[in-house]
N, C-alpha and C. Protein backbone atom coordinates (compact mmCIF):
# COMPACT_ATOMS: atom_id res chain seq x y z
N MET A 1 26.02 24.15 70.68
CA MET A 1 25.34 23.26 71.17
C MET A 1 24.24 22.34 70.09
N SER A 2 24.01 21.07 71.10
CA SER A 2 23.69 20.03 70.13
C SER A 2 22.56 20.10 69.68
N GLU A 3 22.88 19.96 68.35
CA GLU A 3 21.03 20.39 67.30
C GLU A 3 19.46 19.19 68.54
N ASN A 4 19.91 18.24 69.13
CA ASN A 4 18.95 17.36 69.11
C ASN A 4 18.63 17.84 71.17
N ALA A 5 19.06 19.10 71.59
CA ALA A 5 19.12 18.91 72.86
C ALA A 5 17.41 18.79 73.33
N VAL A 6 17.28 18.47 74.03
CA VAL A 6 15.97 18.09 74.58
C VAL A 6 15.87 18.26 76.10
N LEU A 7 14.34 18.82 76.61
CA LEU A 7 14.11 19.22 77.70
C LEU A 7 14.24 17.73 78.95
N PRO A 8 14.23 18.11 79.97
CA PRO A 8 14.63 16.72 81.02
C PRO A 8 13.51 16.38 80.66
N GLU A 9 12.89 14.58 81.51
CA GLU A 9 11.78 14.45 81.49
C GLU A 9 10.90 14.68 82.84
N TYR A 10 10.05 15.23 83.05
CA TYR A 10 9.32 15.97 83.65
C TYR A 10 9.34 15.06 84.97
N GLY A 11 8.62 14.40 85.32
CA GLY A 11 8.59 13.52 86.49
C GLY A 11 10.02 13.58 87.21
N ARG A 12 10.81 13.47 86.46
CA ARG A 12 11.74 12.84 87.25
C ARG A 12 12.35 13.97 87.56
N PHE A 13 12.76 15.46 86.91
CA PHE A 13 13.60 16.58 87.04
C PHE A 13 12.39 16.70 88.43
N ASP A 14 11.41 17.03 88.31
CA ASP A 14 10.61 17.49 89.35
C ASP A 14 11.07 16.69 90.52
N GLN A 15 11.05 15.45 90.67
CA GLN A 15 11.91 14.40 91.72
C GLN A 15 12.91 15.03 92.13
N ALA A 16 13.84 15.34 90.77
CA ALA A 16 15.51 15.57 91.80
C ALA A 16 14.95 17.06 92.04
N LEU A 17 14.45 17.77 91.98
CA LEU A 17 14.27 19.16 92.74
C LEU A 17 13.82 19.60 93.99
N GLU A 18 12.79 17.90 94.37
CA GLU A 18 12.06 17.86 95.35
C GLU A 18 13.28 17.23 96.50
N SER A 19 13.58 16.50 96.03
CA SER A 19 14.88 15.52 96.54
C SER A 19 16.05 16.50 97.34
N ILE A 20 16.28 17.35 97.29
CA ILE A 20 16.87 18.88 97.57
C ILE A 20 16.80 19.42 98.29
N GLY A 21 15.37 19.80 98.04
CA GLY A 21 14.33 20.52 98.66
C GLY A 21 13.87 21.78 97.95
N LEU A 22 13.93 21.73 97.02
CA LEU A 22 14.11 23.35 96.22
C LEU A 22 11.98 23.35 96.62
N ASP A 23 12.09 24.28 96.95
CA ASP A 23 10.25 24.68 96.88
C ASP A 23 9.95 24.86 95.17
N MET A 24 10.67 25.08 94.54
CA MET A 24 10.69 25.51 92.85
C MET A 24 10.22 24.16 92.46
N GLY A 25 9.03 23.76 91.60
CA GLY A 25 9.08 22.59 90.92
C GLY A 25 10.01 22.45 89.33
N ALA A 26 9.33 21.88 88.18
CA ALA A 26 9.70 21.36 87.15
C ALA A 26 9.10 22.60 86.62
N SER A 27 7.90 22.74 86.35
CA SER A 27 7.30 23.33 85.30
C SER A 27 7.48 25.04 85.85
N GLU A 28 7.72 25.68 87.33
CA GLU A 28 7.93 26.79 87.73
C GLU A 28 9.36 27.01 87.10
N THR A 29 10.15 25.83 87.50
CA THR A 29 11.72 26.39 87.23
C THR A 29 11.59 26.86 85.46
N HIS A 30 11.04 25.52 84.71
CA HIS A 30 11.08 26.38 83.31
C HIS A 30 10.51 27.29 82.96
N GLY A 31 9.36 27.84 83.85
CA GLY A 31 9.01 28.93 83.69
C GLY A 31 9.71 30.27 83.57
N VAL A 32 10.63 30.10 84.38
CA VAL A 32 11.36 30.92 84.92
C VAL A 32 12.39 31.39 84.23
N ILE A 33 12.97 29.97 83.61
CA ILE A 33 13.93 29.69 82.73
C ILE A 33 13.61 30.31 81.12
N CYS A 34 12.46 30.46 81.23
CA CYS A 34 11.93 30.85 80.00
C CYS A 34 11.85 32.24 79.81
N GLY A 35 11.38 32.84 81.06
CA GLY A 35 11.55 34.33 81.31
C GLY A 35 12.74 35.05 80.80
N LEU A 36 13.26 34.39 81.84
CA LEU A 36 14.91 35.09 81.17
C LEU A 36 15.81 34.80 80.14
N LEU A 37 15.18 34.00 79.22
CA LEU A 37 15.82 33.68 78.01
C LEU A 37 14.61 34.62 77.14
N SER A 38 13.56 35.29 77.40
CA SER A 38 12.72 36.10 76.82
C SER A 38 13.36 37.21 76.89
N THR A 39 14.23 37.89 77.78
CA THR A 39 14.50 39.32 78.13
C THR A 39 16.18 38.92 77.21
N GLY A 40 16.72 37.98 77.01
CA GLY A 40 17.94 38.71 75.86
C GLY A 40 18.94 38.80 76.90
N SER A 41 19.07 38.60 78.31
CA SER A 41 19.77 38.47 79.38
C SER A 41 20.48 37.58 79.01
N THR A 42 22.03 38.24 79.65
CA THR A 42 22.99 37.10 78.80
C THR A 42 23.78 36.63 80.51
N GLN A 43 23.29 37.20 81.77
CA GLN A 43 23.45 36.94 83.16
C GLN A 43 22.87 36.68 84.12
N ALA A 44 21.80 36.82 84.11
CA ALA A 44 20.84 36.80 84.72
C ALA A 44 20.24 35.22 85.26
N HIS A 45 20.51 34.75 84.75
CA HIS A 45 19.89 33.08 84.43
C HIS A 45 21.54 32.38 85.17
N VAL A 46 22.40 33.04 84.68
CA VAL A 46 23.55 32.47 86.18
C VAL A 46 23.81 32.68 87.43
N ASP A 47 23.09 33.78 87.77
CA ASP A 47 22.98 34.53 89.10
C ASP A 47 21.73 33.61 89.90
N TRP A 48 20.55 33.57 89.02
CA TRP A 48 19.87 32.58 89.65
C TRP A 48 19.88 31.24 90.26
N ILE A 49 20.59 31.13 89.22
CA ILE A 49 21.24 29.17 89.09
C ILE A 49 21.89 29.38 90.41
N GLU A 50 23.13 30.20 90.27
CA GLU A 50 23.89 30.05 91.52
C GLU A 50 23.36 30.24 92.61
N ALA A 51 21.97 30.77 92.63
CA ALA A 51 21.36 31.56 93.89
C ALA A 51 20.50 30.03 94.44
N MET A 52 19.88 29.48 93.35
CA MET A 52 19.39 28.77 93.79
C MET A 52 19.85 27.25 94.61
N PHE A 53 21.63 26.86 94.34
CA PHE A 53 22.31 26.39 94.49
C PHE A 53 23.09 26.64 95.45
N SER A 54 23.08 28.16 95.97
CA SER A 54 23.92 28.36 96.83
C SER A 54 24.21 27.74 98.17
N ASP A 55 23.02 27.45 98.83
CA ASP A 55 23.40 26.83 100.50
C ASP A 55 23.21 25.39 100.40
N ARG A 56 23.83 24.52 99.11
CA ARG A 56 23.66 23.28 98.70
C ARG A 56 24.87 22.62 98.75
N PRO A 57 25.31 21.77 99.23
CA PRO A 57 26.70 20.73 99.50
C PRO A 57 26.66 20.71 97.78
N SER A 58 28.47 21.05 96.81
CA SER A 58 28.19 21.10 95.55
C SER A 58 28.73 19.79 95.59
N ASP A 59 29.08 18.73 96.60
CA ASP A 59 29.58 16.92 96.19
C ASP A 59 28.76 16.34 96.48
N ASP A 60 27.33 16.80 96.89
CA ASP A 60 26.14 16.07 97.17
C ASP A 60 25.83 14.98 96.03
N LEU A 61 25.38 13.72 95.84
CA LEU A 61 25.06 13.46 94.62
C LEU A 61 23.40 13.84 93.76
N LEU A 62 22.77 14.18 94.66
CA LEU A 62 21.42 14.60 94.29
C LEU A 62 21.64 15.91 94.16
N VAL A 63 22.09 16.80 94.68
CA VAL A 63 22.80 18.10 94.38
C VAL A 63 22.95 18.11 92.68
N ARG A 64 24.30 17.76 92.84
CA ARG A 64 24.98 17.31 91.45
C ARG A 64 23.68 17.25 90.02
N GLU A 65 23.39 16.19 90.12
CA GLU A 65 22.10 15.32 89.43
C GLU A 65 21.02 16.96 88.96
N ALA A 66 20.09 17.20 90.34
CA ALA A 66 19.47 18.69 90.04
C ALA A 66 20.17 19.41 89.24
N ARG A 67 21.34 19.86 89.47
CA ARG A 67 21.69 21.08 88.94
C ARG A 67 22.86 20.39 87.27
N GLN A 68 22.54 19.16 87.40
CA GLN A 68 22.99 18.78 85.75
C GLN A 68 21.65 19.21 85.12
N MET A 69 20.45 18.14 85.50
CA MET A 69 19.34 18.11 84.93
C MET A 69 19.21 20.20 84.36
N LEU A 70 19.06 20.45 85.42
CA LEU A 70 18.83 22.40 85.24
C LEU A 70 19.65 22.49 84.30
N GLY A 71 20.79 22.26 83.96
CA GLY A 71 21.50 22.73 82.69
C GLY A 71 21.13 22.35 81.59
N GLN A 72 20.72 20.88 81.41
CA GLN A 72 19.77 20.06 80.38
C GLN A 72 18.57 20.88 79.87
N LEU A 73 18.18 21.26 81.30
CA LEU A 73 16.83 22.69 80.95
C LEU A 73 16.94 23.52 80.02
N TYR A 74 18.01 24.19 80.75
CA TYR A 74 18.51 25.63 80.28
C TYR A 74 18.93 25.76 78.76
N LEU A 75 19.69 24.16 78.66
CA LEU A 75 20.17 24.61 77.34
C LEU A 75 19.67 24.41 76.07
N ALA A 76 18.47 23.20 76.18
CA ALA A 76 17.52 22.69 75.79
C ALA A 76 16.13 23.93 75.34
N SER A 77 16.34 24.57 76.37
CA SER A 77 15.10 25.57 76.25
C SER A 77 15.56 26.83 75.29
N ARG A 78 16.96 27.48 75.52
CA ARG A 78 17.11 28.24 74.81
C ARG A 78 17.73 28.29 73.51
N GLN A 79 18.04 27.22 72.90
CA GLN A 79 17.74 26.54 72.05
C GLN A 79 16.33 26.48 70.95
N GLN A 80 15.17 25.88 72.04
CA GLN A 80 13.66 25.78 71.71
C GLN A 80 13.27 27.28 71.39
N ILE A 81 13.05 28.23 72.18
CA ILE A 81 13.09 29.77 72.52
C ILE A 81 13.81 30.33 71.09
N GLY A 82 14.63 29.91 70.82
CA GLY A 82 15.52 31.05 69.71
C GLY A 82 15.38 30.45 68.70
N CYS A 83 14.53 28.91 68.30
CA CYS A 83 14.35 28.71 67.19
C CYS A 83 13.64 29.28 65.95
N GLU A 84 14.05 28.85 64.81
CA GLU A 84 13.17 29.88 64.34
C GLU A 84 11.61 28.80 63.79
N THR A 85 11.71 27.32 63.53
CA THR A 85 11.34 26.20 62.96
C THR A 85 10.09 26.24 64.36
N LEU A 86 10.24 27.04 65.54
CA LEU A 86 9.17 26.98 66.41
C LEU A 86 8.83 25.68 67.31
N ASP A 87 10.04 25.43 67.45
CA ASP A 87 9.81 24.00 68.46
C ASP A 87 9.83 23.68 69.96
N PHE A 88 9.71 25.36 70.20
CA PHE A 88 9.26 25.69 71.82
C PHE A 88 8.38 24.62 72.16
N VAL A 89 8.37 24.36 73.04
CA VAL A 89 7.43 23.86 74.29
C VAL A 89 7.53 24.15 76.01
N LEU A 90 6.22 23.85 76.44
CA LEU A 90 6.81 24.01 77.86
C LEU A 90 6.72 23.06 79.08
N LEU A 91 7.10 22.68 79.69
CA LEU A 91 7.77 21.41 80.77
C LEU A 91 6.36 21.04 81.61
N LEU A 92 5.68 20.32 81.42
CA LEU A 92 4.56 20.37 81.56
C LEU A 92 4.30 18.76 82.36
N PRO A 93 3.43 18.05 82.86
CA PRO A 93 3.10 16.77 82.99
C PRO A 93 2.93 16.42 81.84
N ASP A 94 2.99 15.00 81.52
CA ASP A 94 2.37 14.35 80.62
C ASP A 94 0.79 13.79 80.21
N ASP A 95 0.22 13.30 79.44
CA ASP A 95 -1.23 13.77 79.35
C ASP A 95 -2.06 12.45 80.30
N GLU A 96 -1.19 12.15 80.50
CA GLU A 96 -1.50 11.00 81.47
C GLU A 96 -2.03 11.43 82.63
N THR A 97 -1.07 12.22 83.43
CA THR A 97 -1.65 13.25 84.36
C THR A 97 -2.74 13.47 84.94
N PRO A 98 -4.03 13.44 85.77
CA PRO A 98 -4.94 14.12 85.97
C PRO A 98 -5.13 15.72 85.63
N LEU A 99 -5.87 16.20 85.05
CA LEU A 99 -6.37 17.71 84.40
C LEU A 99 -5.64 18.45 85.44
N GLN A 100 -6.09 18.20 86.96
CA GLN A 100 -5.89 19.88 87.85
C GLN A 100 -4.83 19.62 88.28
N GLN A 101 -3.65 18.15 88.05
CA GLN A 101 -2.40 18.02 88.37
C GLN A 101 -1.62 18.99 87.32
N ARG A 102 -1.83 18.93 85.83
CA ARG A 102 -1.97 19.09 85.02
C ARG A 102 -1.71 20.86 84.89
N ALA A 103 -2.91 21.24 85.55
CA ALA A 103 -3.32 22.52 85.54
C ALA A 103 -2.67 23.33 86.27
N ARG A 104 -2.43 22.75 87.52
CA ARG A 104 -1.15 23.36 88.66
C ARG A 104 -0.12 23.60 88.10
N ALA A 105 0.09 22.86 87.00
CA ALA A 105 1.75 22.61 86.71
C ALA A 105 1.66 23.89 85.48
N LEU A 106 0.52 24.14 84.68
CA LEU A 106 0.34 25.49 84.11
C LEU A 106 0.52 26.79 85.15
N ILE A 107 -0.44 26.57 85.67
CA ILE A 107 -0.36 28.02 86.55
C ILE A 107 1.25 27.95 87.14
N GLU A 108 2.13 27.38 87.67
CA GLU A 108 3.06 27.17 88.19
C GLU A 108 4.43 27.81 86.84
N TRP A 109 3.78 26.94 86.03
CA TRP A 109 4.54 27.65 84.72
C TRP A 109 4.74 29.08 84.33
N CYS A 110 3.35 29.57 84.52
CA CYS A 110 3.07 31.16 84.40
C CYS A 110 3.63 32.08 85.53
N GLU A 111 3.82 31.82 86.38
CA GLU A 111 4.25 32.25 87.65
C GLU A 111 5.78 32.23 87.66
N GLY A 112 6.12 31.10 87.20
CA GLY A 112 7.72 31.10 87.08
C GLY A 112 8.11 32.18 85.95
N PHE A 113 7.24 32.08 84.74
CA PHE A 113 7.86 32.97 83.71
C PHE A 113 7.37 34.47 84.36
N LEU A 114 6.76 35.00 84.86
CA LEU A 114 6.31 36.22 85.33
C LEU A 114 8.02 36.26 86.28
N TYR A 115 8.28 36.00 86.89
CA TYR A 115 9.33 35.79 88.35
C TYR A 115 10.48 36.21 87.19
N GLY A 116 10.73 35.24 85.75
CA GLY A 116 11.79 35.42 85.40
C GLY A 116 12.14 36.55 84.63
N LEU A 117 10.93 37.40 84.25
CA LEU A 117 10.82 38.12 83.46
C LEU A 117 11.44 39.53 84.26
N GLY A 118 10.58 39.34 85.75
CA GLY A 118 10.71 40.26 86.70
C GLY A 118 12.51 40.63 87.72
N LEU A 119 12.90 39.18 87.17
CA LEU A 119 14.26 39.07 87.64
C LEU A 119 15.41 39.66 86.82
N ALA A 120 14.79 40.00 85.30
CA ALA A 120 15.92 40.66 84.66
C ALA A 120 15.63 41.98 84.15
N GLY A 121 14.38 42.69 85.66
CA GLY A 121 13.80 44.13 85.64
C GLY A 121 12.75 44.09 84.16
N ILE A 122 12.29 43.51 83.90
CA ILE A 122 11.36 43.46 82.81
C ILE A 122 9.81 43.80 83.27
N SER A 123 9.31 44.78 82.81
CA SER A 123 7.92 45.03 83.48
C SER A 123 7.10 45.09 82.30
N GLU A 124 5.54 45.63 82.39
CA GLU A 124 4.72 45.56 81.35
C GLU A 124 4.71 47.17 80.55
N GLN A 125 5.14 47.44 81.05
CA GLN A 125 5.72 48.77 80.59
C GLN A 125 6.37 48.97 79.29
N GLN A 126 6.90 47.75 79.37
CA GLN A 126 8.16 47.74 78.68
C GLN A 126 8.19 47.28 77.23
N LEU A 127 6.42 46.58 77.55
CA LEU A 127 6.46 45.37 76.23
C LEU A 127 4.78 46.55 75.48
N ALA A 128 4.87 46.06 74.49
CA ALA A 128 4.24 47.35 73.44
C ALA A 128 2.56 46.39 72.40
N GLY A 129 1.41 46.89 72.76
CA GLY A 129 1.19 45.78 72.00
C GLY A 129 0.09 44.40 72.11
N ASP A 130 0.26 43.71 71.49
CA ASP A 130 -0.13 42.39 71.22
C ASP A 130 1.14 41.45 72.39
N ALA A 131 2.33 42.04 72.41
CA ALA A 131 3.27 41.40 73.69
C ALA A 131 2.67 41.63 74.97
N ARG A 132 2.42 43.40 75.16
CA ARG A 132 1.72 43.46 76.74
C ARG A 132 0.41 42.68 76.94
N GLU A 133 -0.63 42.56 76.23
CA GLU A 133 -1.05 42.01 76.18
C GLU A 133 -1.57 40.53 76.89
N ALA A 134 -0.62 40.18 76.03
CA ALA A 134 0.17 38.81 75.94
C ALA A 134 0.13 38.31 77.52
N LEU A 135 1.33 39.22 78.14
CA LEU A 135 1.78 39.39 79.72
C LEU A 135 0.61 39.58 80.29
N SER A 136 -0.18 40.69 80.48
CA SER A 136 -1.25 40.80 80.78
C SER A 136 -2.36 39.14 81.23
N ASP A 137 -2.48 38.55 79.89
CA ASP A 137 -2.80 37.76 80.21
C ASP A 137 -2.19 36.32 80.71
N ILE A 138 -0.94 36.47 80.37
CA ILE A 138 -0.22 35.05 81.22
C ILE A 138 -0.53 35.23 82.96
N SER A 139 -0.63 36.52 83.28
CA SER A 139 -0.70 37.30 84.66
C SER A 139 -2.26 36.65 85.00
N GLU A 140 -3.05 36.79 84.31
CA GLU A 140 -4.32 36.30 84.93
C GLU A 140 -4.71 34.48 84.38
N PHE A 141 -3.93 34.07 84.09
CA PHE A 141 -3.97 32.28 84.01
C PHE A 141 -2.86 32.05 85.74
N THR A 142 -2.31 32.84 85.97
CA THR A 142 -2.18 31.94 87.90
C THR A 142 -3.08 32.30 88.66
N ARG A 143 -4.33 33.14 88.03
CA ARG A 143 -5.32 33.01 88.99
C ARG A 143 -6.52 32.19 88.82
N LEU A 144 -6.07 30.72 87.68
CA LEU A 144 -7.50 30.24 87.35
C LEU A 144 -7.65 29.18 88.99
N ASP A 145 -9.38 28.76 88.51
CA ASP A 145 -9.51 28.76 89.38
C ASP A 145 -10.00 26.83 89.34
N LEU A 146 -9.06 26.30 89.94
CA LEU A 146 -8.67 24.59 90.08
C LEU A 146 -9.23 23.77 90.74
N GLU A 147 -10.67 24.24 91.57
CA GLU A 147 -12.04 24.54 91.80
C GLU A 147 -13.33 23.81 91.47
N SER A 148 -13.09 24.71 90.19
CA SER A 148 -14.32 24.33 89.93
C SER A 148 -13.52 23.71 88.27
N LEU A 149 -12.48 23.00 88.23
CA LEU A 149 -12.54 22.63 87.12
C LEU A 149 -12.76 21.32 86.71
N GLU A 150 -13.48 21.03 85.61
CA GLU A 150 -13.67 19.24 86.01
C GLU A 150 -13.32 18.66 84.54
N GLU A 151 -13.06 16.77 85.06
CA GLU A 151 -12.30 16.64 84.00
C GLU A 151 -13.51 15.80 83.05
N GLY A 152 -12.62 15.98 81.13
CA GLY A 152 -14.21 16.29 80.25
C GLY A 152 -13.33 16.50 79.16
N GLU A 153 -14.09 16.22 78.05
CA GLU A 153 -13.24 16.90 76.60
C GLU A 153 -13.00 18.49 76.54
N ALA A 154 -14.34 19.06 76.75
CA ALA A 154 -13.94 20.49 77.22
C ALA A 154 -12.81 20.92 77.69
N SER A 155 -12.53 20.48 79.07
CA SER A 155 -11.42 21.04 79.75
C SER A 155 -10.33 20.42 79.31
N GLU A 156 -10.21 19.91 78.82
CA GLU A 156 -9.16 18.86 78.08
C GLU A 156 -8.46 19.40 77.14
N LEU A 157 -9.55 20.43 75.85
CA LEU A 157 -9.51 21.02 75.11
C LEU A 157 -9.15 22.71 75.34
N ALA A 158 -9.45 22.87 76.76
CA ALA A 158 -9.62 24.13 77.08
C ALA A 158 -7.74 24.39 77.85
N TYR A 159 -7.43 23.39 77.70
CA TYR A 159 -6.08 23.13 78.75
C TYR A 159 -5.03 23.33 77.47
N MET A 160 -5.63 22.50 76.60
CA MET A 160 -4.08 22.72 75.45
C MET A 160 -4.38 23.72 74.55
N GLU A 161 -5.07 24.93 74.99
CA GLU A 161 -5.26 25.79 74.13
C GLU A 161 -4.77 27.02 74.64
N LEU A 162 -4.67 26.28 75.93
CA LEU A 162 -3.54 27.47 77.52
C LEU A 162 -2.56 27.04 77.24
N GLN A 163 -2.24 25.84 76.78
CA GLN A 163 -0.50 25.59 76.35
C GLN A 163 -0.20 26.39 75.25
N GLU A 164 -1.08 26.03 73.89
CA GLU A 164 -0.72 26.71 72.78
C GLU A 164 -0.27 28.04 72.91
N PHE A 165 -1.50 28.87 73.69
CA PHE A 165 -1.38 29.97 74.03
C PHE A 165 -0.08 30.85 74.09
N LEU A 166 0.55 29.77 75.87
CA LEU A 166 1.52 30.02 76.11
C LEU A 166 2.38 29.98 75.83
N ARG A 167 2.46 29.20 75.29
CA ARG A 167 3.90 29.17 73.50
C ARG A 167 4.07 30.27 72.70
N VAL A 168 2.85 30.38 72.38
CA VAL A 168 2.70 31.67 71.40
C VAL A 168 3.18 32.66 72.30
N ALA A 169 2.39 32.99 72.79
CA ALA A 169 2.91 34.43 74.00
C ALA A 169 4.16 34.51 74.04
N THR A 170 5.16 33.86 74.63
CA THR A 170 6.14 33.57 74.96
C THR A 170 7.08 34.22 74.10
N LEU A 171 6.79 33.18 73.07
CA LEU A 171 7.59 33.52 71.55
C LEU A 171 7.12 34.84 71.02
N LEU A 172 6.00 35.55 71.68
CA LEU A 172 5.99 37.00 71.33
C LEU A 172 6.59 37.99 72.10
N ILE A 173 6.53 38.16 73.50
CA ILE A 173 7.03 38.78 74.35
C ILE A 173 8.75 38.58 73.86
N ARG A 174 9.10 37.32 73.51
CA ARG A 174 10.65 37.50 73.29
C ARG A 174 11.13 37.89 71.93
N GLU A 175 10.26 38.35 71.30
CA GLU A 175 10.20 38.63 69.95
C GLU A 175 10.50 40.65 70.21
N GLU A 176 9.66 41.26 70.91
CA GLU A 176 9.25 42.26 71.41
C GLU A 176 10.22 42.99 71.88
N LEU A 177 11.09 41.89 73.04
CA LEU A 177 11.82 42.19 73.31
C LEU A 177 13.13 41.95 73.22
N THR A 178 13.12 41.33 71.96
CA THR A 178 14.33 41.54 71.70
C THR A 178 14.46 42.09 70.57
N SER A 179 13.79 42.54 69.98
CA SER A 179 13.29 43.40 68.53
C SER A 179 14.02 45.21 69.58
N SER A 180 13.33 45.13 70.41
CA SER A 180 13.32 46.61 71.42
C SER A 180 14.76 47.03 71.54
N ARG A 181 15.93 45.60 71.75
CA ARG A 181 16.90 45.72 72.87
C ARG A 181 17.82 45.70 71.09
N GLU A 182 17.56 45.25 70.02
CA GLU A 182 17.93 45.90 68.24
C GLU A 182 18.32 47.18 68.41
N ARG A 183 16.69 48.04 69.25
CA ARG A 183 16.16 49.14 68.52
C ARG A 183 17.38 50.04 69.10
N GLU A 184 17.44 49.66 70.77
CA GLU A 184 18.22 50.42 71.75
C GLU A 184 19.66 50.62 71.49
N ASP A 185 20.42 49.26 71.28
CA ASP A 185 21.60 48.85 70.64
C ASP A 185 21.97 49.85 69.75
N ALA A 186 21.00 49.91 68.54
CA ALA A 186 21.54 50.78 66.95
C ALA A 186 21.07 52.27 67.22
N GLY A 187 20.66 52.80 68.30
CA GLY A 187 20.32 53.94 68.97
C GLY A 187 21.90 54.69 69.22
N GLU A 188 22.34 53.69 70.28
CA GLU A 188 23.15 53.87 70.93
C GLU A 188 25.03 54.16 69.92
């Protein structure tokens, strides 16, 4: 795998998904991939990607572009989430995007992450301590009230803190699930 695998550009990837009629945007898609990667599953992402494109013509150039960008997203996410230097970042709109749209994308990322864990058969009961609490918090973030969100420095700071929390929480959940899988494998 390339050392410099990078996430696709948010806007371009989001547009590619929309252009082929997928109901899932860039942030939610990244959340699903991160949820799947956190579980250590070796097959769930393949099945999910195939299902996403199953009813789309493989010779369509827009479908090819979206699929290629999804592959790029998967490879970069796998590299980032497994990196010991903590290079993991969420795929969200840039800071020039209005705060309410960025917050909506953050909610969608959380929904995708929870969906990815569920696809791999992970439930809250399989986590312990801080990882279980982090998963519960991620679930709560899906209920953020966007209507009461006001532009301003305090809201920007809160948004940045949520992003950082999600980044760390994802790595914590991944570590818990990886450690749990290793303990199960050692016990067999």
